[in-house]
Amino acid sequence: MNSITSNALCANKVRSIFAESGISIAEWARAEGFSTALVYQVIEGKRQCVRGQSHRIAVALGLKSGVICDLAELRGRLAAVSVQSKDKESAM
Protein backbone atom coordinates (compact mmCIF):
# COMPACT_ATOMS: atom_id res chain seq x y z
CA MET A 1 0.00 0.00 0.00
CA ASN A 2 1.47 3.38 -0.98
CA SER A 3 1.38 6.50 1.20
CA ILE A 4 -1.43 8.11 -0.82
CA THR A 5 -3.69 5.11 -0.21
CA SER A 6 -2.65 5.00 3.44
CA ASN A 7 -3.40 8.71 3.92
CA ALA A 8 -6.81 8.29 2.26
CA LEU A 9 -7.63 5.42 4.62
CA CYS A 10 -6.57 7.50 7.63
CA ALA A 11 -8.67 10.45 6.45
CA ASN A 12 -11.69 8.18 5.98
CA LYS A 13 -11.17 6.84 9.50
CA VAL A 14 -11.00 10.40 10.89
CA ARG A 15 -14.25 11.27 9.09
CA SER A 16 -15.96 8.15 10.45
CA ILE A 17 -14.81 8.96 14.01
CA PHE A 18 -16.37 12.41 13.72
CA ALA A 19 -19.56 10.92 12.28
CA GLU A 20 -19.77 8.37 15.13
CA SER A 21 -19.14 11.04 17.77
CA GLY A 22 -21.83 13.42 16.58
CA ILE A 23 -19.33 16.28 16.68
CA SER A 24 -18.77 18.14 13.44
CA ILE A 25 -15.31 18.73 12.06
CA ALA A 26 -16.02 22.48 12.17
CA GLU A 27 -17.03 22.31 15.84
CA TRP A 28 -13.82 20.42 16.69
CA ALA A 29 -11.73 22.90 14.69
CA ARG A 30 -13.22 25.88 16.52
CA ALA A 31 -12.80 24.20 19.93
CA GLU A 32 -9.12 23.46 19.16
CA GLY A 33 -8.50 26.97 17.81
CA PHE A 34 -7.86 25.82 14.24
CA SER A 35 -9.09 27.30 10.98
CA THR A 36 -12.09 25.24 9.91
CA ALA A 37 -11.17 25.54 6.23
CA LEU A 38 -7.62 24.42 6.94
CA VAL A 39 -8.82 21.37 8.90
CA TYR A 40 -10.91 20.29 5.91
CA GLN A 41 -7.93 20.85 3.58
CA VAL A 42 -5.72 18.70 5.80
CA ILE A 43 -8.28 15.89 5.94
CA GLU A 44 -8.75 16.06 2.17
CA GLY A 45 -4.99 15.80 1.62
CA LYS A 46 -4.69 19.23 0.03
CA ARG A 47 -1.94 20.34 2.43
CA GLN A 48 1.52 18.86 2.98
CA CYS A 49 1.34 19.47 6.75
CA VAL A 50 5.05 20.14 7.07
CA ARG A 51 4.90 23.09 9.48
CA GLY A 52 2.59 25.57 11.14
CA GLN A 53 -1.08 25.09 11.77
CA SER A 54 -1.51 22.35 9.15
CA HIS A 55 1.20 20.29 10.88
CA ARG A 56 -0.49 20.78 14.26
CA ILE A 57 -3.86 19.79 12.79
CA ALA A 58 -2.49 16.62 11.18
CA VAL A 59 -0.78 15.58 14.42
CA ALA A 60 -3.89 16.35 16.50
CA LEU A 61 -6.03 14.26 14.14
CA GLY A 62 -3.53 11.41 14.13
CA LEU A 63 -2.89 11.72 10.40
CA LYS A 64 0.85 12.02 10.97
CA SER A 65 3.29 11.46 13.76
CA GLY A 66 5.02 14.47 15.13
CA VAL A 67 5.33 16.86 18.00
CA ILE A 68 3.18 19.87 18.75
CA CYS A 69 5.17 22.44 20.67
CA ASP A 70 5.33 26.19 21.07
CA LEU A 71 8.36 28.33 20.29
CA ALA A 72 9.65 28.30 23.88
CA GLU A 73 9.59 24.50 23.98
CA LEU A 74 11.29 24.34 20.57
CA ARG A 75 14.06 26.65 21.80
CA GLY A 76 14.60 24.36 24.79
CA ARG A 77 14.76 21.27 22.60
CA LEU A 78 17.23 22.93 20.23
CA ALA A 79 19.38 24.12 23.13
CA ALA A 80 19.50 20.57 24.50
CA VAL A 81 20.71 19.27 21.14
CA SER A 82 23.34 22.00 21.01
CA VAL A 83 24.62 21.09 24.48
CA GLN A 84 24.77 17.39 23.54
CA SER A 85 26.74 18.22 20.38
CA LYS A 86 29.24 20.31 22.32
CA ASP A 87 29.66 17.53 24.93
CA LYS A 88 30.40 14.99 22.18
CA GLU A 89 32.95 17.32 20.54
CA SER A 90 34.80 17.94 23.80
CA ALA A 91 34.90 14.21 24.56
CA MET A 92 36.80 13.52 21.33
PDB file of N, CA and C in Angstrom:
ATOM      1  N   MET A   1       0.844  -1.179   0.000  1.00  0.00           N
ATOM      2  CA  MET A   1       0.000   0.000   0.000  1.00  0.00           C
ATOM      3  C   MET A   1       0.888   1.239   0.000  1.00  0.00           C
ATOM      4  N   ASN A   2       0.646   2.169  -0.932  1.00  0.00           N
ATOM      5  CA  ASN A   2       1.468   3.376  -0.977  1.00  0.00           C
ATOM      6  C   ASN A   2       0.956   4.421   0.004  1.00  0.00           C
ATOM      7  N   SER A   3       1.727   5.498   0.178  1.00  0.00           N
ATOM      8  CA  SER A   3       1.379   6.498   1.197  1.00  0.00           C
ATOM      9  C   SER A   3       0.100   7.249   0.857  1.00  0.00           C
ATOM     10  N   ILE A   4      -0.198   7.418  -0.435  1.00  0.00           N
ATOM     11  CA  ILE A   4      -1.433   8.106  -0.816  1.00  0.00           C
ATOM     12  C   ILE A   4      -2.641   7.289  -0.387  1.00  0.00           C
ATOM     13  N   THR A   5      -2.607   5.987  -0.627  1.00  0.00           N
ATOM     14  CA  THR A   5      -3.694   5.113  -0.206  1.00  0.00           C
ATOM     15  C   THR A   5      -3.801   5.092   1.305  1.00  0.00           C
ATOM     16  N   SER A   6      -2.670   5.018   1.978  1.00  0.00           N
ATOM     17  CA  SER A   6      -2.646   5.004   3.438  1.00  0.00           C
ATOM     18  C   SER A   6      -3.240   6.286   4.013  1.00  0.00           C
ATOM     19  N   ASN A   7      -2.869   7.429   3.444  1.00  0.00           N
ATOM     20  CA  ASN A   7      -3.402   8.710   3.916  1.00  0.00           C
ATOM     21  C   ASN A   7      -4.902   8.799   3.684  1.00  0.00           C
ATOM     22  N   ALA A   8      -5.375   8.278   2.548  1.00  0.00           N
ATOM     23  CA  ALA A   8      -6.809   8.292   2.264  1.00  0.00           C
ATOM     24  C   ALA A   8      -7.561   7.435   3.274  1.00  0.00           C
ATOM     25  N   LEU A   9      -6.999   6.277   3.621  1.00  0.00           N
ATOM     26  CA  LEU A   9      -7.628   5.418   4.618  1.00  0.00           C
ATOM     27  C   LEU A   9      -7.683   6.109   5.973  1.00  0.00           C
ATOM     28  N   CYS A  10      -6.604   6.776   6.353  1.00  0.00           N
ATOM     29  CA  CYS A  10      -6.573   7.501   7.626  1.00  0.00           C
ATOM     30  C   CYS A  10      -7.609   8.623   7.626  1.00  0.00           C
ATOM     31  N   ALA A  11      -7.703   9.361   6.537  1.00  0.00           N
ATOM     32  CA  ALA A  11      -8.665  10.449   6.445  1.00  0.00           C
ATOM     33  C   ALA A  11     -10.090   9.914   6.536  1.00  0.00           C
ATOM     34  N   ASN A  12     -10.351   8.788   5.890  1.00  0.00           N
ATOM     35  CA  ASN A  12     -11.686   8.182   5.982  1.00  0.00           C
ATOM     36  C   ASN A  12     -11.982   7.756   7.409  1.00  0.00           C
ATOM     37  N   LYS A  13     -10.995   7.243   8.110  1.00  0.00           N
ATOM     38  CA  LYS A  13     -11.169   6.841   9.504  1.00  0.00           C
ATOM     39  C   LYS A  13     -11.469   8.064  10.369  1.00  0.00           C
ATOM     40  N   VAL A  14     -10.754   9.161  10.139  1.00  0.00           N
ATOM     41  CA  VAL A  14     -11.000  10.395  10.888  1.00  0.00           C
ATOM     42  C   VAL A  14     -12.437  10.863  10.657  1.00  0.00           C
ATOM     43  N   ARG A  15     -12.875  10.854   9.398  1.00  0.00           N
ATOM     44  CA  ARG A  15     -14.251  11.267   9.089  1.00  0.00           C
ATOM     45  C   ARG A  15     -15.264  10.373   9.804  1.00  0.00           C
ATOM     46  N   SER A  16     -15.009   9.064   9.811  1.00  0.00           N
ATOM     47  CA  SER A  16     -15.962   8.152  10.449  1.00  0.00           C
ATOM     48  C   SER A  16     -15.994   8.351  11.964  1.00  0.00           C
ATOM     49  N   ILE A  17     -14.838   8.687  12.565  1.00  0.00           N
ATOM     50  CA  ILE A  17     -14.807   8.963  14.006  1.00  0.00           C
ATOM     51  C   ILE A  17     -15.653  10.194  14.323  1.00  0.00           C
ATOM     52  N   PHE A  18     -15.531  11.231  13.507  1.00  0.00           N
ATOM     53  CA  PHE A  18     -16.368  12.413  13.717  1.00  0.00           C
ATOM     54  C   PHE A  18     -17.844  12.067  13.540  1.00  0.00           C
ATOM     55  N   ALA A  19     -18.163  11.288  12.520  1.00  0.00           N
ATOM     56  CA  ALA A  19     -19.561  10.916  12.278  1.00  0.00           C
ATOM     57  C   ALA A  19     -20.123  10.117  13.456  1.00  0.00           C
ATOM     58  N   GLU A  20     -19.335   9.186  13.989  1.00  0.00           N
ATOM     59  CA  GLU A  20     -19.771   8.370  15.130  1.00  0.00           C
ATOM     60  C   GLU A  20     -19.942   9.207  16.390  1.00  0.00           C
ATOM     61  N   SER A  21     -19.121  10.241  16.542  1.00  0.00           N
ATOM     62  CA  SER A  21     -19.143  11.037  17.773  1.00  0.00           C
ATOM     63  C   SER A  21     -20.278  12.046  17.805  1.00  0.00           C
ATOM     64  N   GLY A  22     -20.788  12.408  16.639  1.00  0.00           N
ATOM     65  CA  GLY A  22     -21.833  13.421  16.582  1.00  0.00           C
ATOM     66  C   GLY A  22     -21.286  14.835  16.690  1.00  0.00           C
ATOM     67  N   ILE A  23     -19.983  14.966  16.637  1.00  0.00           N
ATOM     68  CA  ILE A  23     -19.334  16.277  16.675  1.00  0.00           C
ATOM     69  C   ILE A  23     -18.845  16.594  15.262  1.00  0.00           C
ATOM     70  N   SER A  24     -19.183  17.779  14.790  1.00  0.00           N
ATOM     71  CA  SER A  24     -18.765  18.135  13.440  1.00  0.00           C
ATOM     72  C   SER A  24     -17.286  18.487  13.413  1.00  0.00           C
ATOM     73  N   ILE A  25     -16.707  18.359  12.246  1.00  0.00           N
ATOM     74  CA  ILE A  25     -15.314  18.731  12.062  1.00  0.00           C
ATOM     75  C   ILE A  25     -15.135  20.218  12.361  1.00  0.00           C
ATOM     76  N   ALA A  26     -16.092  21.030  11.927  1.00  0.00           N
ATOM     77  CA  ALA A  26     -16.022  22.476  12.165  1.00  0.00           C
ATOM     78  C   ALA A  26     -16.079  22.789  13.661  1.00  0.00           C
ATOM     79  N   GLU A  27     -16.935  22.090  14.395  1.00  0.00           N
ATOM     80  CA  GLU A  27     -17.027  22.308  15.839  1.00  0.00           C
ATOM     81  C   GLU A  27     -15.710  21.960  16.526  1.00  0.00           C
ATOM     82  N   TRP A  28     -15.113  20.829  16.127  1.00  0.00           N
ATOM     83  CA  TRP A  28     -13.824  20.419  16.691  1.00  0.00           C
ATOM     84  C   TRP A  28     -12.750  21.458  16.372  1.00  0.00           C
ATOM     85  N   ALA A  29     -12.740  21.918  15.112  1.00  0.00           N
ATOM     86  CA  ALA A  29     -11.734  22.899  14.693  1.00  0.00           C
ATOM     87  C   ALA A  29     -11.830  24.169  15.538  1.00  0.00           C
ATOM     88  N   ARG A  30     -13.048  24.656  15.720  1.00  0.00           N
ATOM     89  CA  ARG A  30     -13.224  25.875  16.525  1.00  0.00           C
ATOM     90  C   ARG A  30     -12.781  25.647  17.966  1.00  0.00           C
ATOM     91  N   ALA A  31     -13.153  24.508  18.539  1.00  0.00           N
ATOM     92  CA  ALA A  31     -12.798  24.200  19.928  1.00  0.00           C
ATOM     93  C   ALA A  31     -11.288  24.103  20.112  1.00  0.00           C
ATOM     94  N   GLU A  32     -10.577  23.617  19.088  1.00  0.00           N
ATOM     95  CA  GLU A  32      -9.125  23.464  19.156  1.00  0.00           C
ATOM     96  C   GLU A  32      -8.384  24.724  18.725  1.00  0.00           C
ATOM     97  N   GLY A  33      -9.125  25.724  18.240  1.00  0.00           N
ATOM     98  CA  GLY A  33      -8.499  26.974  17.809  1.00  0.00           C
ATOM     99  C   GLY A  33      -7.900  26.921  16.416  1.00  0.00           C
ATOM    100  N   PHE A  34      -8.371  25.969  15.601  1.00  0.00           N
ATOM    101  CA  PHE A  34      -7.861  25.820  14.241  1.00  0.00           C
ATOM    102  C   PHE A  34      -8.813  26.461  13.236  1.00  0.00           C
ATOM    103  N   SER A  35      -8.274  26.829  12.104  1.00  0.00           N
ATOM    104  CA  SER A  35      -9.085  27.302  10.984  1.00  0.00           C
ATOM    105  C   SER A  35      -9.900  26.121  10.459  1.00  0.00           C
ATOM    106  N   THR A  36     -11.223  26.310  10.390  1.00  0.00           N
ATOM    107  CA  THR A  36     -12.093  25.236   9.906  1.00  0.00           C
ATOM    108  C   THR A  36     -11.736  24.838   8.479  1.00  0.00           C
ATOM    109  N   ALA A  37     -11.524  25.825   7.630  1.00  0.00           N
ATOM    110  CA  ALA A  37     -11.175  25.545   6.234  1.00  0.00           C
ATOM    111  C   ALA A  37      -9.878  24.754   6.142  1.00  0.00           C
ATOM    112  N   LEU A  38      -8.907  25.113   6.967  1.00  0.00           N
ATOM    113  CA  LEU A  38      -7.621  24.423   6.938  1.00  0.00           C
ATOM    114  C   LEU A  38      -7.751  22.980   7.427  1.00  0.00           C
ATOM    115  N   VAL A  39      -8.593  22.745   8.420  1.00  0.00           N
ATOM    116  CA  VAL A  39      -8.817  21.375   8.896  1.00  0.00           C
ATOM    117  C   VAL A  39      -9.374  20.524   7.755  1.00  0.00           C
ATOM    118  N   TYR A  40     -10.359  21.037   7.037  1.00  0.00           N
ATOM    119  CA  TYR A  40     -10.912  20.292   5.906  1.00  0.00           C
ATOM    120  C   TYR A  40      -9.845  20.038   4.846  1.00  0.00           C
ATOM    121  N   GLN A  41      -8.995  21.029   4.573  1.00  0.00           N
ATOM    122  CA  GLN A  41      -7.929  20.852   3.577  1.00  0.00           C
ATOM    123  C   GLN A  41      -6.946  19.773   4.010  1.00  0.00           C
ATOM    124  N   VAL A  42      -6.625  19.731   5.295  1.00  0.00           N
ATOM    125  CA  VAL A  42      -5.716  18.705   5.801  1.00  0.00           C
ATOM    126  C   VAL A  42      -6.352  17.329   5.646  1.00  0.00           C
ATOM    127  N   ILE A  43      -7.597  17.191   6.045  1.00  0.00           N
ATOM    128  CA  ILE A  43      -8.282  15.893   5.940  1.00  0.00           C
ATOM    129  C   ILE A  43      -8.393  15.446   4.487  1.00  0.00           C
ATOM    130  N   GLU A  44      -8.617  16.387   3.591  1.00  0.00           N
ATOM    131  CA  GLU A  44      -8.755  16.059   2.167  1.00  0.00           C
ATOM    132  C   GLU A  44      -7.408  15.835   1.478  1.00  0.00           C
ATOM    133  N   GLY A  45      -6.308  16.025   2.197  1.00  0.00           N
ATOM    134  CA  GLY A  45      -4.986  15.803   1.618  1.00  0.00           C
ATOM    135  C   GLY A  45      -4.508  16.915   0.721  1.00  0.00           C
ATOM    136  N   LYS A  46      -5.076  18.097   0.869  1.00  0.00           N
ATOM    137  CA  LYS A  46      -4.694  19.230   0.028  1.00  0.00           C
ATOM    138  C   LYS A  46      -3.544  20.042   0.614  1.00  0.00           C
ATOM    139  N   ARG A  47      -3.065  19.666   1.783  1.00  0.00           N
ATOM    140  CA  ARG A  47      -1.944  20.338   2.432  1.00  0.00           C
ATOM    141  C   ARG A  47      -0.844  19.328   2.740  1.00  0.00           C
ATOM    142  N   GLN A  48       0.403  19.758   2.683  1.00  0.00           N
ATOM    143  CA  GLN A  48       1.521  18.864   2.981  1.00  0.00           C
ATOM    144  C   GLN A  48       1.714  18.655   4.483  1.00  0.00           C
ATOM    145  N   CYS A  49       1.265  19.588   5.282  1.00  0.00           N
ATOM    146  CA  CYS A  49       1.337  19.474   6.748  1.00  0.00           C
ATOM    147  C   CYS A  49       2.768  19.365   7.259  1.00  0.00           C
ATOM    148  N   VAL A  50       3.640  20.168   6.705  1.00  0.00           N
ATOM    149  CA  VAL A  50       5.053  20.137   7.074  1.00  0.00           C
ATOM    150  C   VAL A  50       5.333  21.028   8.277  1.00  0.00           C
ATOM    151  N   ARG A  51       4.653  22.158   8.371  1.00  0.00           N
ATOM    152  CA  ARG A  51       4.902  23.089   9.476  1.00  0.00           C
ATOM    153  C   ARG A  51       3.632  23.890   9.743  1.00  0.00           C
ATOM    154  N   GLY A  52       3.683  24.653  10.824  1.00  0.00           N
ATOM    155  CA  GLY A  52       2.592  25.566  11.139  1.00  0.00           C
ATOM    156  C   GLY A  52       1.304  24.866  11.550  1.00  0.00           C
ATOM    157  N   GLN A  53       0.213  25.579  11.323  1.00  0.00           N
ATOM    158  CA  GLN A  53      -1.084  25.086  11.771  1.00  0.00           C
ATOM    159  C   GLN A  53      -1.481  23.775  11.085  1.00  0.00           C
ATOM    160  N   SER A  54      -1.144  23.601   9.818  1.00  0.00           N
ATOM    161  CA  SER A  54      -1.514  22.348   9.146  1.00  0.00           C
ATOM    162  C   SER A  54      -0.789  21.160   9.774  1.00  0.00           C
ATOM    163  N   HIS A  55       0.462  21.351  10.185  1.00  0.00           N
ATOM    164  CA  HIS A  55       1.200  20.293  10.883  1.00  0.00           C
ATOM    165  C   HIS A  55       0.507  19.965  12.205  1.00  0.00           C
ATOM    166  N   ARG A  56       0.159  21.004  12.963  1.00  0.00           N
ATOM    167  CA  ARG A  56      -0.492  20.784  14.255  1.00  0.00           C
ATOM    168  C   ARG A  56      -1.833  20.084  14.096  1.00  0.00           C
ATOM    169  N   ILE A  57      -2.576  20.429  13.049  1.00  0.00           N
ATOM    170  CA  ILE A  57      -3.863  19.790  12.786  1.00  0.00           C
ATOM    171  C   ILE A  57      -3.659  18.314  12.477  1.00  0.00           C
ATOM    172  N   ALA A  58      -2.732  18.009  11.570  1.00  0.00           N
ATOM    173  CA  ALA A  58      -2.488  16.616  11.182  1.00  0.00           C
ATOM    174  C   ALA A  58      -2.056  15.772  12.372  1.00  0.00           C
ATOM    175  N   VAL A  59      -1.215  16.310  13.231  1.00  0.00           N
ATOM    176  CA  VAL A  59      -0.778  15.578  14.420  1.00  0.00           C
ATOM    177  C   VAL A  59      -1.955  15.379  15.373  1.00  0.00           C
ATOM    178  N   ALA A  60      -2.741  16.435  15.588  1.00  0.00           N
ATOM    179  CA  ALA A  60      -3.886  16.352  16.500  1.00  0.00           C
ATOM    180  C   ALA A  60      -4.919  15.340  16.015  1.00  0.00           C
ATOM    181  N   LEU A  61      -5.071  15.217  14.703  1.00  0.00           N
ATOM    182  CA  LEU A  61      -6.027  14.262  14.137  1.00  0.00           C
ATOM    183  C   LEU A  61      -5.452  12.853  14.029  1.00  0.00           C
ATOM    184  N   GLY A  62      -4.163  12.712  14.254  1.00  0.00           N
ATOM    185  CA  GLY A  62      -3.530  11.408  14.132  1.00  0.00           C
ATOM    186  C   GLY A  62      -3.207  11.022  12.705  1.00  0.00           C
ATOM    187  N   LEU A  63      -3.203  11.997  11.803  1.00  0.00           N
ATOM    188  CA  LEU A  63      -2.889  11.722  10.403  1.00  0.00           C
ATOM    189  C   LEU A  63      -1.393  11.624  10.146  1.00  0.00           C
ATOM    190  N   LYS A  64      -0.601  12.135  11.078  1.00  0.00           N
ATOM    191  CA  LYS A  64       0.852  12.022  10.965  1.00  0.00           C
ATOM    192  C   LYS A  64       1.437  12.001  12.365  1.00  0.00           C
ATOM    193  N   SER A  65       2.603  11.418  12.469  1.00  0.00           N
ATOM    194  CA  SER A  65       3.291  11.458  13.757  1.00  0.00           C
ATOM    195  C   SER A  65       4.067  12.764  13.813  1.00  0.00           C
ATOM    196  N   GLY A  66       4.291  13.229  14.980  1.00  0.00           N
ATOM    197  CA  GLY A  66       5.016  14.472  15.133  1.00  0.00           C
ATOM    198  C   GLY A  66       4.811  15.041  16.510  1.00  0.00           C
ATOM    199  N   VAL A  67       5.386  16.197  16.711  1.00  0.00           N
ATOM    200  CA  VAL A  67       5.330  16.862  17.999  1.00  0.00           C
ATOM    201  C   VAL A  67       4.650  18.211  17.805  1.00  0.00           C
ATOM    202  N   ILE A  68       3.779  18.544  18.730  1.00  0.00           N
ATOM    203  CA  ILE A  68       3.176  19.868  18.751  1.00  0.00           C
ATOM    204  C   ILE A  68       3.815  20.610  19.910  1.00  0.00           C
ATOM    205  N   CYS A  69       4.533  21.676  19.603  1.00  0.00           N
ATOM    206  CA  CYS A  69       5.172  22.445  20.667  1.00  0.00           C
ATOM    207  C   CYS A  69       5.136  23.919  20.302  1.00  0.00           C
ATOM    208  N   ASP A  70       5.266  24.748  21.317  1.00  0.00           N
ATOM    209  CA  ASP A  70       5.327  26.188  21.071  1.00  0.00           C
ATOM    210  C   ASP A  70       6.791  26.592  20.876  1.00  0.00           C
ATOM    211  N   LEU A  71       7.005  27.862  20.582  1.00  0.00           N
ATOM    212  CA  LEU A  71       8.362  28.333  20.290  1.00  0.00           C
ATOM    213  C   LEU A  71       9.296  28.188  21.485  1.00  0.00           C
ATOM    214  N   ALA A  72       8.800  28.426  22.688  1.00  0.00           N
ATOM    215  CA  ALA A  72       9.647  28.297  23.877  1.00  0.00           C
ATOM    216  C   ALA A  72      10.113  26.856  24.053  1.00  0.00           C
ATOM    217  N   GLU A  73       9.212  25.917  23.858  1.00  0.00           N
ATOM    218  CA  GLU A  73       9.589  24.499  23.976  1.00  0.00           C
ATOM    219  C   GLU A  73      10.584  24.117  22.884  1.00  0.00           C
ATOM    220  N   LEU A  74      10.368  24.626  21.681  1.00  0.00           N
ATOM    221  CA  LEU A  74      11.294  24.340  20.574  1.00  0.00           C
ATOM    222  C   LEU A  74      12.687  24.874  20.892  1.00  0.00           C
ATOM    223  N   ARG A  75      12.749  26.086  21.432  1.00  0.00           N
ATOM    224  CA  ARG A  75      14.056  26.648  21.802  1.00  0.00           C
ATOM    225  C   ARG A  75      14.770  25.744  22.809  1.00  0.00           C
ATOM    226  N   GLY A  76      14.028  25.252  23.792  1.00  0.00           N
ATOM    227  CA  GLY A  76      14.600  24.361  24.790  1.00  0.00           C
ATOM    228  C   GLY A  76      15.115  23.072  24.176  1.00  0.00           C
ATOM    229  N   ARG A  77      14.335  22.503  23.263  1.00  0.00           N
ATOM    230  CA  ARG A  77      14.760  21.267  22.603  1.00  0.00           C
ATOM    231  C   ARG A  77      16.014  21.492  21.763  1.00  0.00           C
ATOM    232  N   LEU A  78      16.053  22.625  21.051  1.00  0.00           N
ATOM    233  CA  LEU A  78      17.230  22.933  20.228  1.00  0.00           C
ATOM    234  C   LEU A  78      18.454  23.191  21.099  1.00  0.00           C
ATOM    235  N   ALA A  79      18.270  23.858  22.224  1.00  0.00           N
ATOM    236  CA  ALA A  79      19.379  24.119  23.135  1.00  0.00           C
ATOM    237  C   ALA A  79      19.933  22.814  23.689  1.00  0.00           C
ATOM    238  N   ALA A  80      19.057  21.868  23.989  1.00  0.00           N
ATOM    239  CA  ALA A  80      19.501  20.572  24.504  1.00  0.00           C
ATOM    240  C   ALA A  80      20.346  19.834  23.474  1.00  0.00           C
ATOM    241  N   VAL A  81      19.941  19.913  22.209  1.00  0.00           N
ATOM    242  CA  VAL A  81      20.709  19.268  21.140  1.00  0.00           C
ATOM    243  C   VAL A  81      22.067  19.936  21.008  1.00  0.00           C
ATOM    244  N   SER A  82      22.088  21.257  21.112  1.00  0.00           N
ATOM    245  CA  SER A  82      23.337  21.999  21.008  1.00  0.00           C
ATOM    246  C   SER A  82      24.303  21.612  22.125  1.00  0.00           C
ATOM    247  N   VAL A  83      23.798  21.484  23.341  1.00  0.00           N
ATOM    248  CA  VAL A  83      24.624  21.093  24.481  1.00  0.00           C
ATOM    249  C   VAL A  83      25.178  19.690  24.270  1.00  0.00           C
ATOM    250  N   GLN A  84      24.335  18.771  23.791  1.00  0.00           N
ATOM    251  CA  GLN A  84      24.775  17.389  23.541  1.00  0.00           C
ATOM    252  C   GLN A  84      25.874  17.378  22.482  1.00  0.00           C
ATOM    253  N   SER A  85      25.722  18.165  21.440  1.00  0.00           N
ATOM    254  CA  SER A  85      26.740  18.222  20.383  1.00  0.00           C
ATOM    255  C   SER A  85      28.070  18.723  20.915  1.00  0.00           C
ATOM    256  N   LYS A  86      28.014  19.750  21.748  1.00  0.00           N
ATOM    257  CA  LYS A  86      29.240  20.310  22.322  1.00  0.00           C
ATOM    258  C   LYS A  86      29.914  19.310  23.261  1.00  0.00           C
ATOM    259  N   ASP A  87      29.101  18.567  24.034  1.00  0.00           N
ATOM    260  CA  ASP A  87      29.660  17.532  24.932  1.00  0.00           C
ATOM    261  C   ASP A  87      30.358  16.451  24.129  1.00  0.00           C
ATOM    262  N   LYS A  88      29.789  16.037  23.001  1.00  0.00           N
ATOM    263  CA  LYS A  88      30.402  14.986  22.178  1.00  0.00           C
ATOM    264  C   LYS A  88      31.717  15.489  21.584  1.00  0.00           C
ATOM    265  N   GLU A  89      31.734  16.755  21.129  1.00  0.00           N
ATOM    266  CA  GLU A  89      32.945  17.315  20.538  1.00  0.00           C
ATOM    267  C   GLU A  89      34.070  17.412  21.562  1.00  0.00           C
ATOM    268  N   SER A  90      33.740  17.797  22.772  1.00  0.00           N
ATOM    269  CA  SER A  90      34.796  17.945  23.797  1.00  0.00           C
ATOM    270  C   SER A  90      35.278  16.586  24.288  1.00  0.00           C
ATOM    271  N   ALA A  91      34.491  15.548  24.137  1.00  0.00           N
ATOM    272  CA  ALA A  91      34.895  14.207  24.564  1.00  0.00           C
ATOM    273  C   ALA A  91      35.874  13.575  23.566  1.00  0.00           C
ATOM    274  N   MET A  92      35.930  14.105  22.367  1.00  0.00           N
ATOM    275  CA  MET A  92      36.800  13.524  21.327  1.00  0.00           C
ATOM    276  C   MET A  92      38.197  13.960  21.475  1.00  0.00           C
TER     277      MET A  92
END
